[in-house]
Amino acid sequence: MREFVVSCWNHIMDAEVNPLRHIPDLQVRHMIMQILAFMWSAVFALYIAESIMAFGISAFLHVLLVGAVVVTVGTFKVAETQPWRFGSYHSYGRSRGYVIYRDRKGNPYKVPLDDKDPGGEHE
């Protein structure tokens, strides 16, 4: 039963499994998922609760759910294809006289530090 539920969820919500996978632009896929979520929240609210208030709550929660899924998938895609974007947050010491940064392709390059700059983040 668990496998059936997971399979059904993936066929609806996973952009790599459902038919929307053929749309190359992630933003277009997201917009279509939002429209579908809005439509289904309207159908369920009007059919089950017969209430516009229920529709508003359902639509809002569907937008939140689909938005969270899309942000998560987008973050995973960036981490998979461009892991260098999630570089370290600490700063390097001045003892070397240069700082090593990475370009958009992830290749390192040196940036010399100014001799007159005393360094430190708060000076």
PDB file of N, CA and C in Angstrom:
ATOM      1  N   MET A   1       0.821  -1.201   0.000  1.00  0.00           N
ATOM      2  CA  MET A   1       0.000   0.000   0.000  1.00  0.00           C
ATOM      3  C   MET A   1       0.862   1.261   0.000  1.00  0.00           C
ATOM      4  N   ARG A   2       1.960   1.220   0.781  1.00  0.00           N
ATOM      5  CA  ARG A   2       2.844   2.379   0.856  1.00  0.00           C
ATOM      6  C   ARG A   2       3.442   2.700  -0.513  1.00  0.00           C
ATOM      7  N   GLU A   3       3.888   1.662  -1.215  1.00  0.00           N
ATOM      8  CA  GLU A   3       4.472   1.865  -2.542  1.00  0.00           C
ATOM      9  C   GLU A   3       3.454   2.467  -3.510  1.00  0.00           C
ATOM     10  N   PHE A   4       2.200   2.038  -3.387  1.00  0.00           N
ATOM     11  CA  PHE A   4       1.145   2.577  -4.246  1.00  0.00           C
ATOM     12  C   PHE A   4       0.941   4.064  -3.993  1.00  0.00           C
ATOM     13  N   VAL A   5       0.897   4.459  -2.719  1.00  0.00           N
ATOM     14  CA  VAL A   5       0.705   5.872  -2.372  1.00  0.00           C
ATOM     15  C   VAL A   5       1.892   6.703  -2.864  1.00  0.00           C
ATOM     16  N   VAL A   6       3.114   6.214  -2.644  1.00  0.00           N
ATOM     17  CA  VAL A   6       4.310   6.938  -3.109  1.00  0.00           C
ATOM     18  C   VAL A   6       4.315   7.049  -4.621  1.00  0.00           C
ATOM     19  N   SER A   7       3.953   5.979  -5.308  1.00  0.00           N
ATOM     20  CA  SER A   7       3.904   6.001  -6.764  1.00  0.00           C
ATOM     21  C   SER A   7       2.874   7.012  -7.270  1.00  0.00           C
ATOM     22  N   CYS A   8       1.702   7.025  -6.653  1.00  0.00           N
ATOM     23  CA  CYS A   8       0.666   7.991  -7.054  1.00  0.00           C
ATOM     24  C   CYS A   8       1.136   9.423  -6.812  1.00  0.00           C
ATOM     25  N   TRP A   9       1.742   9.648  -5.646  1.00  0.00           N
ATOM     26  CA  TRP A   9       2.259  10.988  -5.329  1.00  0.00           C
ATOM     27  C   TRP A   9       3.288  11.415  -6.374  1.00  0.00           C
ATOM     28  N   ASN A  10       4.229  10.538  -6.704  1.00  0.00           N
ATOM     29  CA  ASN A  10       5.283  10.883  -7.669  1.00  0.00           C
ATOM     30  C   ASN A  10       4.720  11.151  -9.058  1.00  0.00           C
ATOM     31  N   HIS A  11       3.707  10.396  -9.466  1.00  0.00           N
ATOM     32  CA  HIS A  11       3.129  10.605 -10.794  1.00  0.00           C
ATOM     33  C   HIS A  11       2.373  11.931 -10.898  1.00  0.00           C
ATOM     34  N   ILE A  12       2.004  12.498  -9.760  1.00  0.00           N
ATOM     35  CA  ILE A  12       1.316  13.791  -9.780  1.00  0.00           C
ATOM     36  C   ILE A  12       2.273  14.939  -9.471  1.00  0.00           C
ATOM     37  N   MET A  13       3.097  14.792  -8.429  1.00  0.00           N
ATOM     38  CA  MET A  13       3.881  15.919  -7.916  1.00  0.00           C
ATOM     39  C   MET A  13       5.329  15.975  -8.405  1.00  0.00           C
ATOM     40  N   ASP A  14       5.888  14.882  -8.865  1.00  0.00           N
ATOM     41  CA  ASP A  14       7.292  14.863  -9.281  1.00  0.00           C
ATOM     42  C   ASP A  14       7.411  15.292 -10.740  1.00  0.00           C
ATOM     43  N   ALA A  15       8.071  16.403 -10.964  1.00  0.00           N
ATOM     44  CA  ALA A  15       8.198  16.951 -12.318  1.00  0.00           C
ATOM     45  C   ALA A  15       9.057  16.080 -13.222  1.00  0.00           C
ATOM     46  N   GLU A  16       9.819  15.159 -12.644  1.00  0.00           N
ATOM     47  CA  GLU A  16      10.621  14.254 -13.458  1.00  0.00           C
ATOM     48  C   GLU A  16       9.836  13.014 -13.875  1.00  0.00           C
ATOM     49  N   VAL A  17       8.669  12.808 -13.298  1.00  0.00           N
ATOM     50  CA  VAL A  17       7.868  11.614 -13.577  1.00  0.00           C
ATOM     51  C   VAL A  17       6.588  11.961 -14.332  1.00  0.00           C
ATOM     52  N   ASN A  18       5.898  13.018 -13.917  1.00  0.00           N
ATOM     53  CA  ASN A  18       4.611  13.337 -14.542  1.00  0.00           C
ATOM     54  C   ASN A  18       4.806  13.875 -15.968  1.00  0.00           C
ATOM     55  N   PRO A  19       3.751  13.966 -16.761  1.00  0.00           N
ATOM     56  CA  PRO A  19       3.883  14.402 -18.153  1.00  0.00           C
ATOM     57  C   PRO A  19       4.452  15.813 -18.335  1.00  0.00           C
ATOM     58  N   LEU A  20       4.440  16.622 -17.292  1.00  0.00           N
ATOM     59  CA  LEU A  20       5.029  17.963 -17.413  1.00  0.00           C
ATOM     60  C   LEU A  20       6.550  17.912 -17.538  1.00  0.00           C
ATOM     61  N   ARG A  21       7.152  16.747 -17.365  1.00  0.00           N
ATOM     62  CA  ARG A  21       8.614  16.618 -17.484  1.00  0.00           C
ATOM     63  C   ARG A  21       9.098  16.977 -18.884  1.00  0.00           C
ATOM     64  N   HIS A  22       8.201  16.956 -19.859  1.00  0.00           N
ATOM     65  CA  HIS A  22       8.577  17.271 -21.236  1.00  0.00           C
ATOM     66  C   HIS A  22       8.719  18.774 -21.465  1.00  0.00           C
ATOM     67  N   ILE A  23       8.281  19.583 -20.507  1.00  0.00           N
ATOM     68  CA  ILE A  23       8.446  21.037 -20.604  1.00  0.00           C
ATOM     69  C   ILE A  23       9.807  21.377 -20.012  1.00  0.00           C
ATOM     70  N   PRO A  24      10.735  21.916 -20.812  1.00  0.00           N
ATOM     71  CA  PRO A  24      12.101  22.114 -20.317  1.00  0.00           C
ATOM     72  C   PRO A  24      12.243  23.236 -19.276  1.00  0.00           C
ATOM     73  N   ASP A  25      11.394  24.248 -19.321  1.00  0.00           N
ATOM     74  CA  ASP A  25      11.535  25.391 -18.420  1.00  0.00           C
ATOM     75  C   ASP A  25      10.865  25.100 -17.079  1.00  0.00           C
ATOM     76  N   LEU A  26      11.648  25.141 -15.996  1.00  0.00           N
ATOM     77  CA  LEU A  26      11.135  24.856 -14.665  1.00  0.00           C
ATOM     78  C   LEU A  26      10.082  25.870 -14.230  1.00  0.00           C
ATOM     79  N   GLN A  27      10.222  27.125 -14.633  1.00  0.00           N
ATOM     80  CA  GLN A  27       9.256  28.146 -14.251  1.00  0.00           C
ATOM     81  C   GLN A  27       7.895  27.911 -14.915  1.00  0.00           C
ATOM     82  N   VAL A  28       7.904  27.472 -16.157  1.00  0.00           N
ATOM     83  CA  VAL A  28       6.648  27.170 -16.852  1.00  0.00           C
ATOM     84  C   VAL A  28       5.965  25.977 -16.188  1.00  0.00           C
ATOM     85  N   ARG A  29       6.763  24.950 -15.838  1.00  0.00           N
ATOM     86  CA  ARG A  29       6.207  23.795 -15.133  1.00  0.00           C
ATOM     87  C   ARG A  29       5.577  24.235 -13.810  1.00  0.00           C
ATOM     88  N   HIS A  30       6.267  25.114 -13.101  1.00  0.00           N
ATOM     89  CA  HIS A  30       5.751  25.608 -11.825  1.00  0.00           C
ATOM     90  C   HIS A  30       4.416  26.325 -12.023  1.00  0.00           C
ATOM     91  N   MET A  31       4.331  27.177 -13.027  1.00  0.00           N
ATOM     92  CA  MET A  31       3.097  27.924 -13.270  1.00  0.00           C
ATOM     93  C   MET A  31       1.946  26.989 -13.615  1.00  0.00           C
ATOM     94  N   ILE A  32       2.210  25.982 -14.431  1.00  0.00           N
ATOM     95  CA  ILE A  32       1.160  25.027 -14.786  1.00  0.00           C
ATOM     96  C   ILE A  32       0.716  24.248 -13.559  1.00  0.00           C
ATOM     97  N   MET A  33       1.660  23.858 -12.697  1.00  0.00           N
ATOM     98  CA  MET A  33       1.294  23.165 -11.461  1.00  0.00           C
ATOM     99  C   MET A  33       0.459  24.063 -10.558  1.00  0.00           C
ATOM    100  N   GLN A  34       0.770  25.349 -10.511  1.00  0.00           N
ATOM    101  CA  GLN A  34      -0.013  26.282  -9.698  1.00  0.00           C
ATOM    102  C   GLN A  34      -1.446  26.395 -10.241  1.00  0.00           C
ATOM    103  N   ILE A  35      -1.573  26.485 -11.562  1.00  0.00           N
ATOM    104  CA  ILE A  35      -2.910  26.584 -12.165  1.00  0.00           C
ATOM    105  C   ILE A  35      -3.713  25.316 -11.897  1.00  0.00           C
ATOM    106  N   LEU A  36      -3.079  24.157 -12.037  1.00  0.00           N
ATOM    107  CA  LEU A  36      -3.769  22.898 -11.756  1.00  0.00           C
ATOM    108  C   LEU A  36      -4.168  22.798 -10.279  1.00  0.00           C
ATOM    109  N   ALA A  37      -3.278  23.214  -9.391  1.00  0.00           N
ATOM    110  CA  ALA A  37      -3.600  23.176  -7.958  1.00  0.00           C
ATOM    111  C   ALA A  37      -4.768  24.099  -7.641  1.00  0.00           C
ATOM    112  N   PHE A  38      -4.770  25.271  -8.263  1.00  0.00           N
ATOM    113  CA  PHE A  38      -5.861  26.225  -8.060  1.00  0.00           C
ATOM    114  C   PHE A  38      -7.181  25.638  -8.561  1.00  0.00           C
ATOM    115  N   MET A  39      -7.150  25.008  -9.729  1.00  0.00           N
ATOM    116  CA  MET A  39      -8.342  24.405 -10.299  1.00  0.00           C
ATOM    117  C   MET A  39      -8.885  23.294  -9.397  1.00  0.00           C
ATOM    118  N   TRP A  40      -7.990  22.398  -8.933  1.00  0.00           N
ATOM    119  CA  TRP A  40      -8.437  21.288  -8.105  1.00  0.00           C
ATOM    120  C   TRP A  40      -8.919  21.759  -6.737  1.00  0.00           C
ATOM    121  N   SER A  41      -8.310  22.797  -6.203  1.00  0.00           N
ATOM    122  CA  SER A  41      -8.808  23.306  -4.920  1.00  0.00           C
ATOM    123  C   SER A  41     -10.211  23.891  -5.087  1.00  0.00           C
ATOM    124  N   ALA A  42     -10.473  24.513  -6.225  1.00  0.00           N
ATOM    125  CA  ALA A  42     -11.819  25.038  -6.497  1.00  0.00           C
ATOM    126  C   ALA A  42     -12.822  23.898  -6.638  1.00  0.00           C
ATOM    127  N   VAL A  43     -12.449  22.862  -7.369  1.00  0.00           N
ATOM    128  CA  VAL A  43     -13.352  21.723  -7.571  1.00  0.00           C
ATOM    129  C   VAL A  43     -13.700  21.072  -6.236  1.00  0.00           C
ATOM    130  N   PHE A  44     -12.695  20.773  -5.424  1.00  0.00           N
ATOM    131  CA  PHE A  44     -12.954  20.120  -4.145  1.00  0.00           C
ATOM    132  C   PHE A  44     -13.744  21.013  -3.199  1.00  0.00           C
ATOM    133  N   ALA A  45     -13.408  22.289  -3.144  1.00  0.00           N
ATOM    134  CA  ALA A  45     -14.108  23.187  -2.219  1.00  0.00           C
ATOM    135  C   ALA A  45     -15.572  23.339  -2.602  1.00  0.00           C
ATOM    136  N   LEU A  46     -15.845  23.509  -3.866  1.00  0.00           N
ATOM    137  CA  LEU A  46     -17.223  23.713  -4.286  1.00  0.00           C
ATOM    138  C   LEU A  46     -18.030  22.417  -4.271  1.00  0.00           C
ATOM    139  N   TYR A  47     -17.374  21.295  -4.513  1.00  0.00           N
ATOM    140  CA  TYR A  47     -18.082  20.017  -4.516  1.00  0.00           C
ATOM    141  C   TYR A  47     -18.320  19.492  -3.102  1.00  0.00           C
ATOM    142  N   ILE A  48     -17.279  19.528  -2.284  1.00  0.00           N
ATOM    143  CA  ILE A  48     -17.376  18.931  -0.957  1.00  0.00           C
ATOM    144  C   ILE A  48     -18.001  19.905   0.047  1.00  0.00           C
ATOM    145  N   ALA A  49     -17.472  21.099   0.128  1.00  0.00           N
ATOM    146  CA  ALA A  49     -17.915  22.025   1.175  1.00  0.00           C
ATOM    147  C   ALA A  49     -18.973  23.003   0.679  1.00  0.00           C
ATOM    148  N   GLU A  50     -19.097  23.149  -0.627  1.00  0.00           N
ATOM    149  CA  GLU A  50     -20.019  24.114  -1.220  1.00  0.00           C
ATOM    150  C   GLU A  50     -19.824  25.497  -0.610  1.00  0.00           C
ATOM    151  N   SER A  51     -18.559  25.888  -0.507  1.00  0.00           N
ATOM    152  CA  SER A  51     -18.240  27.147   0.157  1.00  0.00           C
ATOM    153  C   SER A  51     -17.096  27.857  -0.550  1.00  0.00           C
ATOM    154  N   ILE A  52     -17.295  29.141  -0.782  1.00  0.00           N
ATOM    155  CA  ILE A  52     -16.229  29.945  -1.369  1.00  0.00           C
ATOM    156  C   ILE A  52     -15.089  30.121  -0.365  1.00  0.00           C
ATOM    157  N   MET A  53     -15.406  30.194   0.927  1.00  0.00           N
ATOM    158  CA  MET A  53     -14.382  30.315   1.966  1.00  0.00           C
ATOM    159  C   MET A  53     -13.476  29.082   1.964  1.00  0.00           C
ATOM    160  N   ALA A  54     -14.072  27.913   1.822  1.00  0.00           N
ATOM    161  CA  ALA A  54     -13.282  26.682   1.755  1.00  0.00           C
ATOM    162  C   ALA A  54     -12.387  26.704   0.521  1.00  0.00           C
ATOM    163  N   PHE A  55     -12.905  27.252  -0.584  1.00  0.00           N
ATOM    164  CA  PHE A  55     -12.088  27.374  -1.790  1.00  0.00           C
ATOM    165  C   PHE A  55     -10.888  28.282  -1.549  1.00  0.00           C
ATOM    166  N   GLY A  56     -11.106  29.413  -0.898  1.00  0.00           N
ATOM    167  CA  GLY A  56     -10.003  30.338  -0.633  1.00  0.00           C
ATOM    168  C   GLY A  56      -8.922  29.709   0.223  1.00  0.00           C
ATOM    169  N   ILE A  57      -9.337  29.023   1.264  1.00  0.00           N
ATOM    170  CA  ILE A  57      -8.365  28.357   2.137  1.00  0.00           C
ATOM    171  C   ILE A  57      -7.645  27.250   1.382  1.00  0.00           C
ATOM    172  N   SER A  58      -8.401  26.455   0.633  1.00  0.00           N
ATOM    173  CA  SER A  58      -7.809  25.360  -0.133  1.00  0.00           C
ATOM    174  C   SER A  58      -6.849  25.882  -1.203  1.00  0.00           C
ATOM    175  N   ALA A  59      -7.240  26.936  -1.906  1.00  0.00           N
ATOM    176  CA  ALA A  59      -6.376  27.505  -2.943  1.00  0.00           C
ATOM    177  C   ALA A  59      -5.079  28.032  -2.333  1.00  0.00           C
ATOM    178  N   PHE A  60      -5.197  28.737  -1.224  1.00  0.00           N
ATOM    179  CA  PHE A  60      -4.008  29.271  -0.555  1.00  0.00           C
ATOM    180  C   PHE A  60      -3.066  28.149  -0.123  1.00  0.00           C
ATOM    181  N   LEU A  61      -3.612  27.104   0.468  1.00  0.00           N
ATOM    182  CA  LEU A  61      -2.773  25.998   0.921  1.00  0.00           C
ATOM    183  C   LEU A  61      -2.161  25.232  -0.249  1.00  0.00           C
ATOM    184  N   HIS A  62      -2.890  25.114  -1.351  1.00  0.00           N
ATOM    185  CA  HIS A  62      -2.312  24.469  -2.533  1.00  0.00           C
ATOM    186  C   HIS A  62      -1.160  25.297  -3.108  1.00  0.00           C
ATOM    187  N   VAL A  63      -1.324  26.606  -3.140  1.00  0.00           N
ATOM    188  CA  VAL A  63      -0.240  27.465  -3.629  1.00  0.00           C
ATOM    189  C   VAL A  63       0.995  27.310  -2.746  1.00  0.00           C
ATOM    190  N   LEU A  64       0.798  27.263  -1.443  1.00  0.00           N
ATOM    191  CA  LEU A  64       1.922  27.059  -0.529  1.00  0.00           C
ATOM    192  C   LEU A  64       2.592  25.710  -0.751  1.00  0.00           C
ATOM    193  N   LEU A  65       1.787  24.657  -0.882  1.00  0.00           N
ATOM    194  CA  LEU A  65       2.339  23.319  -1.069  1.00  0.00           C
ATOM    195  C   LEU A  65       3.117  23.205  -2.376  1.00  0.00           C
ATOM    196  N   VAL A  66       2.507  23.616  -3.472  1.00  0.00           N
ATOM    197  CA  VAL A  66       3.181  23.513  -4.773  1.00  0.00           C
ATOM    198  C   VAL A  66       4.410  24.441  -4.805  1.00  0.00           C
ATOM    199  N   GLY A  67       4.289  25.625  -4.236  1.00  0.00           N
ATOM    200  CA  GLY A  67       5.431  26.539  -4.187  1.00  0.00           C
ATOM    201  C   GLY A  67       6.594  25.945  -3.406  1.00  0.00           C
ATOM    202  N   ALA A  68       6.311  25.317  -2.276  1.00  0.00           N
ATOM    203  CA  ALA A  68       7.370  24.702  -1.475  1.00  0.00           C
ATOM    204  C   ALA A  68       8.032  23.550  -2.227  1.00  0.00           C
ATOM    205  N   VAL A  69       7.229  22.757  -2.923  1.00  0.00           N
ATOM    206  CA  VAL A  69       7.785  21.650  -3.716  1.00  0.00           C
ATOM    207  C   VAL A  69       8.686  22.196  -4.819  1.00  0.00           C
ATOM    208  N   VAL A  70       8.254  23.246  -5.502  1.00  0.00           N
ATOM    209  CA  VAL A  70       9.045  23.806  -6.605  1.00  0.00           C
ATOM    210  C   VAL A  70      10.340  24.427  -6.095  1.00  0.00           C
ATOM    211  N   VAL A  71      10.291  25.143  -4.986  1.00  0.00           N
ATOM    212  CA  VAL A  71      11.517  25.726  -4.416  1.00  0.00           C
ATOM    213  C   VAL A  71      12.490  24.619  -4.023  1.00  0.00           C
ATOM    214  N   THR A  72      11.972  23.550  -3.440  1.00  0.00           N
ATOM    215  CA  THR A  72      12.830  22.433  -3.053  1.00  0.00           C
ATOM    216  C   THR A  72      13.466  21.775  -4.274  1.00  0.00           C
ATOM    217  N   VAL A  73      12.674  21.502  -5.288  1.00  0.00           N
ATOM    218  CA  VAL A  73      13.207  20.876  -6.507  1.00  0.00           C
ATOM    219  C   VAL A  73      14.218  21.807  -7.173  1.00  0.00           C
ATOM    220  N   GLY A  74      13.918  23.108  -7.235  1.00  0.00           N
ATOM    221  CA  GLY A  74      14.864  24.058  -7.824  1.00  0.00           C
ATOM    222  C   GLY A  74      16.181  24.099  -7.069  1.00  0.00           C
ATOM    223  N   THR A  75      16.117  24.061  -5.745  1.00  0.00           N
ATOM    224  CA  THR A  75      17.334  24.056  -4.930  1.00  0.00           C
ATOM    225  C   THR A  75      18.135  22.786  -5.180  1.00  0.00           C
ATOM    226  N   PHE A  76      17.462  21.654  -5.268  1.00  0.00           N
ATOM    227  CA  PHE A  76      18.146  20.396  -5.549  1.00  0.00           C
ATOM    228  C   PHE A  76      18.807  20.426  -6.932  1.00  0.00           C
ATOM    229  N   LYS A  77      18.124  21.017  -7.914  1.00  0.00           N
ATOM    230  CA  LYS A  77      18.693  21.096  -9.270  1.00  0.00           C
ATOM    231  C   LYS A  77      19.958  21.950  -9.280  1.00  0.00           C
ATOM    232  N   VAL A  78      19.911  23.093  -8.587  1.00  0.00           N
ATOM    233  CA  VAL A  78      21.091  23.960  -8.522  1.00  0.00           C
ATOM    234  C   VAL A  78      22.224  23.239  -7.795  1.00  0.00           C
ATOM    235  N   ALA A  79      21.921  22.551  -6.707  1.00  0.00           N
ATOM    236  CA  ALA A  79      22.956  21.822  -5.971  1.00  0.00           C
ATOM    237  C   ALA A  79      23.554  20.704  -6.823  1.00  0.00           C
ATOM    238  N   GLU A  80      22.747  20.116  -7.682  1.00  0.00           N
ATOM    239  CA  GLU A  80      23.229  19.025  -8.531  1.00  0.00           C
ATOM    240  C   GLU A  80      24.084  19.539  -9.687  1.00  0.00           C
ATOM    241  N   THR A  81      23.659  20.636 -10.306  1.00  0.00           N
ATOM    242  CA  THR A  81      24.358  21.118 -11.495  1.00  0.00           C
ATOM    243  C   THR A  81      25.407  22.184 -11.208  1.00  0.00           C
ATOM    244  N   GLN A  82      25.233  22.956 -10.117  1.00  0.00           N
ATOM    245  CA  GLN A  82      26.157  24.048  -9.798  1.00  0.00           C
ATOM    246  C   GLN A  82      26.485  24.045  -8.306  1.00  0.00           C
ATOM    247  N   PRO A  83      27.147  23.005  -7.822  1.00  0.00           N
ATOM    248  CA  PRO A  83      27.400  22.917  -6.379  1.00  0.00           C
ATOM    249  C   PRO A  83      28.279  24.041  -5.841  1.00  0.00           C
ATOM    250  N   TRP A  84      29.053  24.674  -6.686  1.00  0.00           N
ATOM    251  CA  TRP A  84      29.938  25.749  -6.218  1.00  0.00           C
ATOM    252  C   TRP A  84      29.155  26.964  -5.739  1.00  0.00           C
ATOM    253  N   ARG A  85      27.874  27.075  -6.101  1.00  0.00           N
ATOM    254  CA  ARG A  85      27.060  28.204  -5.625  1.00  0.00           C
ATOM    255  C   ARG A  85      26.825  28.152  -4.115  1.00  0.00           C
ATOM    256  N   PHE A  86      27.002  26.975  -3.538  1.00  0.00           N
ATOM    257  CA  PHE A  86      26.818  26.816  -2.106  1.00  0.00           C
ATOM    258  C   PHE A  86      28.176  26.760  -1.417  1.00  0.00           C
ATOM    259  N   GLY A  87      29.054  27.698  -1.766  1.00  0.00           N
ATOM    260  CA  GLY A  87      30.402  27.745  -1.210  1.00  0.00           C
ATOM    261  C   GLY A  87      30.396  28.055   0.275  1.00  0.00           C
ATOM    262  N   SER A  88      31.588  28.144   0.817  1.00  0.00           N
ATOM    263  CA  SER A  88      31.708  28.372   2.254  1.00  0.00           C
ATOM    264  C   SER A  88      31.379  29.821   2.600  1.00  0.00           C
ATOM    265  N   TYR A  89      31.081  30.055   3.864  1.00  0.00           N
ATOM    266  CA  TYR A  89      30.717  31.379   4.335  1.00  0.00           C
ATOM    267  C   TYR A  89      31.841  32.051   5.116  1.00  0.00           C
ATOM    268  N   HIS A  90      32.885  31.332   5.453  1.00  0.00           N
ATOM    269  CA  HIS A  90      33.945  31.945   6.245  1.00  0.00           C
ATOM    270  C   HIS A  90      34.890  32.736   5.354  1.00  0.00           C
ATOM    271  N   SER A  91      35.525  33.737   5.943  1.00  0.00           N
ATOM    272  CA  SER A  91      36.474  34.540   5.185  1.00  0.00           C
ATOM    273  C   SER A  91      37.880  34.001   5.429  1.00  0.00           C
ATOM    274  N   TYR A  92      38.758  34.257   4.487  1.00  0.00           N
ATOM    275  CA  TYR A  92      40.115  33.747   4.558  1.00  0.00           C
ATOM    276  C   TYR A  92      41.024  34.774   5.220  1.00  0.00           C
ATOM    277  N   GLY A  93      42.081  34.311   5.819  1.00  0.00           N
ATOM    278  CA  GLY A  93      43.040  35.199   6.468  1.00  0.00           C
ATOM    279  C   GLY A  93      43.819  36.016   5.453  1.00  0.00           C
ATOM    280  N   ARG A  94      44.468  37.073   5.937  1.00  0.00           N
ATOM    281  CA  ARG A  94      45.222  37.964   5.058  1.00  0.00           C
ATOM    282  C   ARG A  94      46.677  37.538   4.925  1.00  0.00           C
ATOM    283  N   SER A  95      47.089  36.480   5.568  1.00  0.00           N
ATOM    284  CA  SER A  95      48.498  36.099   5.574  1.00  0.00           C
ATOM    285  C   SER A  95      49.013  35.719   4.189  1.00  0.00           C
ATOM    286  N   ARG A  96      48.147  35.271   3.314  1.00  0.00           N
ATOM    287  CA  ARG A  96      48.592  34.875   1.972  1.00  0.00           C
ATOM    288  C   ARG A  96      48.736  36.059   1.037  1.00  0.00           C
ATOM    289  N   GLY A  97      48.039  37.157   1.309  1.00  0.00           N
ATOM    290  CA  GLY A  97      48.088  38.311   0.415  1.00  0.00           C
ATOM    291  C   GLY A  97      47.085  38.230  -0.726  1.00  0.00           C
ATOM    292  N   TYR A  98      46.315  37.174  -0.773  1.00  0.00           N
ATOM    293  CA  TYR A  98      45.291  37.041  -1.811  1.00  0.00           C
ATOM    294  C   TYR A  98      44.140  36.193  -1.275  1.00  0.00           C
ATOM    295  N   VAL A  99      43.024  36.264  -1.976  1.00  0.00           N
ATOM    296  CA  VAL A  99      41.858  35.452  -1.662  1.00  0.00           C
ATOM    297  C   VAL A  99      41.544  34.614  -2.893  1.00  0.00           C
ATOM    298  N   ILE A 100      41.125  33.392  -2.668  1.00  0.00           N
ATOM    299  CA  ILE A 100      40.764  32.517  -3.786  1.00  0.00           C
ATOM    300  C   ILE A 100      39.246  32.517  -3.923  1.00  0.00           C
ATOM    301  N   TYR A 101      38.778  32.918  -5.095  1.00  0.00           N
ATOM    302  CA  TYR A 101      37.353  32.883  -5.419  1.00  0.00           C
ATOM    303  C   TYR A 101      37.124  31.871  -6.524  1.00  0.00           C
ATOM    304  N   ARG A 102      35.872  31.639  -6.844  1.00  0.00           N
ATOM    305  CA  ARG A 102      35.530  30.725  -7.944  1.00  0.00           C
ATOM    306  C   ARG A 102      34.627  31.449  -8.941  1.00  0.00           C
ATOM    307  N   ASP A 103      34.879  31.195 -10.232  1.00  0.00           N
ATOM    308  CA  ASP A 103      34.041  31.806 -11.261  1.00  0.00           C
ATOM    309  C   ASP A 103      32.762  30.989 -11.430  1.00  0.00           C
ATOM    310  N   ARG A 104      31.948  31.349 -12.422  1.00  0.00           N
ATOM    311  CA  ARG A 104      30.645  30.692 -12.613  1.00  0.00           C
ATOM    312  C   ARG A 104      30.773  29.212 -12.961  1.00  0.00           C
ATOM    313  N   LYS A 105      31.884  28.817 -13.500  1.00  0.00           N
ATOM    314  CA  LYS A 105      32.082  27.412 -13.846  1.00  0.00           C
ATOM    315  C   LYS A 105      32.721  26.627 -12.704  1.00  0.00           C
ATOM    316  N   GLY A 106      33.035  27.321 -11.604  1.00  0.00           N
ATOM    317  CA  GLY A 106      33.623  26.656 -10.457  1.00  0.00           C
ATOM    318  C   GLY A 106      35.137  26.633 -10.454  1.00  0.00           C
ATOM    319  N   ASN A 107      35.769  27.290 -11.416  1.00  0.00           N
ATOM    320  CA  ASN A 107      37.227  27.313 -11.489  1.00  0.00           C
ATOM    321  C   ASN A 107      37.788  28.351 -10.517  1.00  0.00           C
ATOM    322  N   PRO A 108      38.836  27.982  -9.750  1.00  0.00           N
ATOM    323  CA  PRO A 108      39.401  28.938  -8.793  1.00  0.00           C
ATOM    324  C   PRO A 108      40.271  29.992  -9.486  1.00  0.00           C
ATOM    325  N   TYR A 109      40.277  31.192  -8.898  1.00  0.00           N
ATOM    326  CA  TYR A 109      41.192  32.241  -9.344  1.00  0.00           C
ATOM    327  C   TYR A 109      41.560  33.109  -8.152  1.00  0.00           C
ATOM    328  N   LYS A 110      42.754  33.720  -8.219  1.00  0.00           N
ATOM    329  CA  LYS A 110      43.269  34.528  -7.110  1.00  0.00           C
ATOM    330  C   LYS A 110      42.884  35.992  -7.291  1.00  0.00           C
ATOM    331  N   VAL A 111      42.535  36.622  -6.175  1.00  0.00           N
ATOM    332  CA  VAL A 111      42.281  38.066  -6.144  1.00  0.00           C
ATOM    333  C   VAL A 111      43.224  38.648  -5.099  1.00  0.00           C
ATOM    334  N   PRO A 112      44.209  39.471  -5.540  1.00  0.00           N
ATOM    335  CA  PRO A 112      45.155  40.029  -4.568  1.00  0.00           C
ATOM    336  C   PRO A 112      44.476  41.019  -3.625  1.00  0.00           C
ATOM    337  N   LEU A 113      44.922  41.017  -2.365  1.00  0.00           N
ATOM    338  CA  LEU A 113      44.393  41.923  -1.360  1.00  0.00           C
ATOM    339  C   LEU A 113      45.189  43.221  -1.363  1.00  0.00           C
ATOM    340  N   ASP A 114      44.541  44.314  -1.059  1.00  0.00           N
ATOM    341  CA  ASP A 114      45.177  45.619  -1.003  1.00  0.00           C
ATOM    342  C   ASP A 114      46.095  45.673   0.219  1.00  0.00           C
ATOM    343  N   ASP A 115      47.353  46.119   0.011  1.00  0.00           N
ATOM    344  CA  ASP A 115      48.318  46.200   1.110  1.00  0.00           C
ATOM    345  C   ASP A 115      47.911  47.229   2.155  1.00  0.00           C
ATOM    346  N   LYS A 116      47.172  48.261   1.772  1.00  0.00           N
ATOM    347  CA  LYS A 116      46.772  49.331   2.701  1.00  0.00           C
ATOM    348  C   LYS A 116      45.534  48.967   3.512  1.00  0.00           C
ATOM    349  N   ASP A 117      44.850  47.924   3.119  1.00  0.00           N
ATOM    350  CA  ASP A 117      43.633  47.514   3.833  1.00  0.00           C
ATOM    351  C   ASP A 117      44.045  46.694   5.058  1.00  0.00           C
ATOM    352  N   PRO A 118      43.610  47.123   6.263  1.00  0.00           N
ATOM    353  CA  PRO A 118      44.020  46.390   7.474  1.00  0.00           C
ATOM    354  C   PRO A 118      43.327  45.041   7.613  1.00  0.00           C
ATOM    355  N   GLY A 119      42.268  44.819   6.847  1.00  0.00           N
ATOM    356  CA  GLY A 119      41.537  43.563   6.916  1.00  0.00           C
ATOM    357  C   GLY A 119      40.511  43.549   8.018  1.00  0.00           C
ATOM    358  N   GLY A 120      39.866  42.449   8.154  1.00  0.00           N
ATOM    359  CA  GLY A 120      38.818  42.337   9.164  1.00  0.00           C
ATOM    360  C   GLY A 120      37.475  42.750   8.576  1.00  0.00           C
ATOM    361  N   GLU A 121      36.444  42.119   9.024  1.00  0.00           N
ATOM    362  CA  GLU A 121      35.127  42.389   8.479  1.00  0.00           C
ATOM    363  C   GLU A 121      34.495  43.633   9.046  1.00  0.00           C
ATOM    364  N   HIS A 122      34.931  44.079  10.224  1.00  0.00           N
ATOM    365  CA  HIS A 122      34.256  45.185  10.894  1.00  0.00           C
ATOM    366  C   HIS A 122      35.140  46.406  11.049  1.00  0.00           C
ATOM    367  N   GLU A 123      36.194  46.499  10.317  1.00  0.00           N
ATOM    368  CA  GLU A 123      37.081  47.669  10.439  1.00  0.00           C
ATOM    369  C   GLU A 123      36.819  48.681   9.380  1.00  0.00           C
TER     370      GLU A 123
END
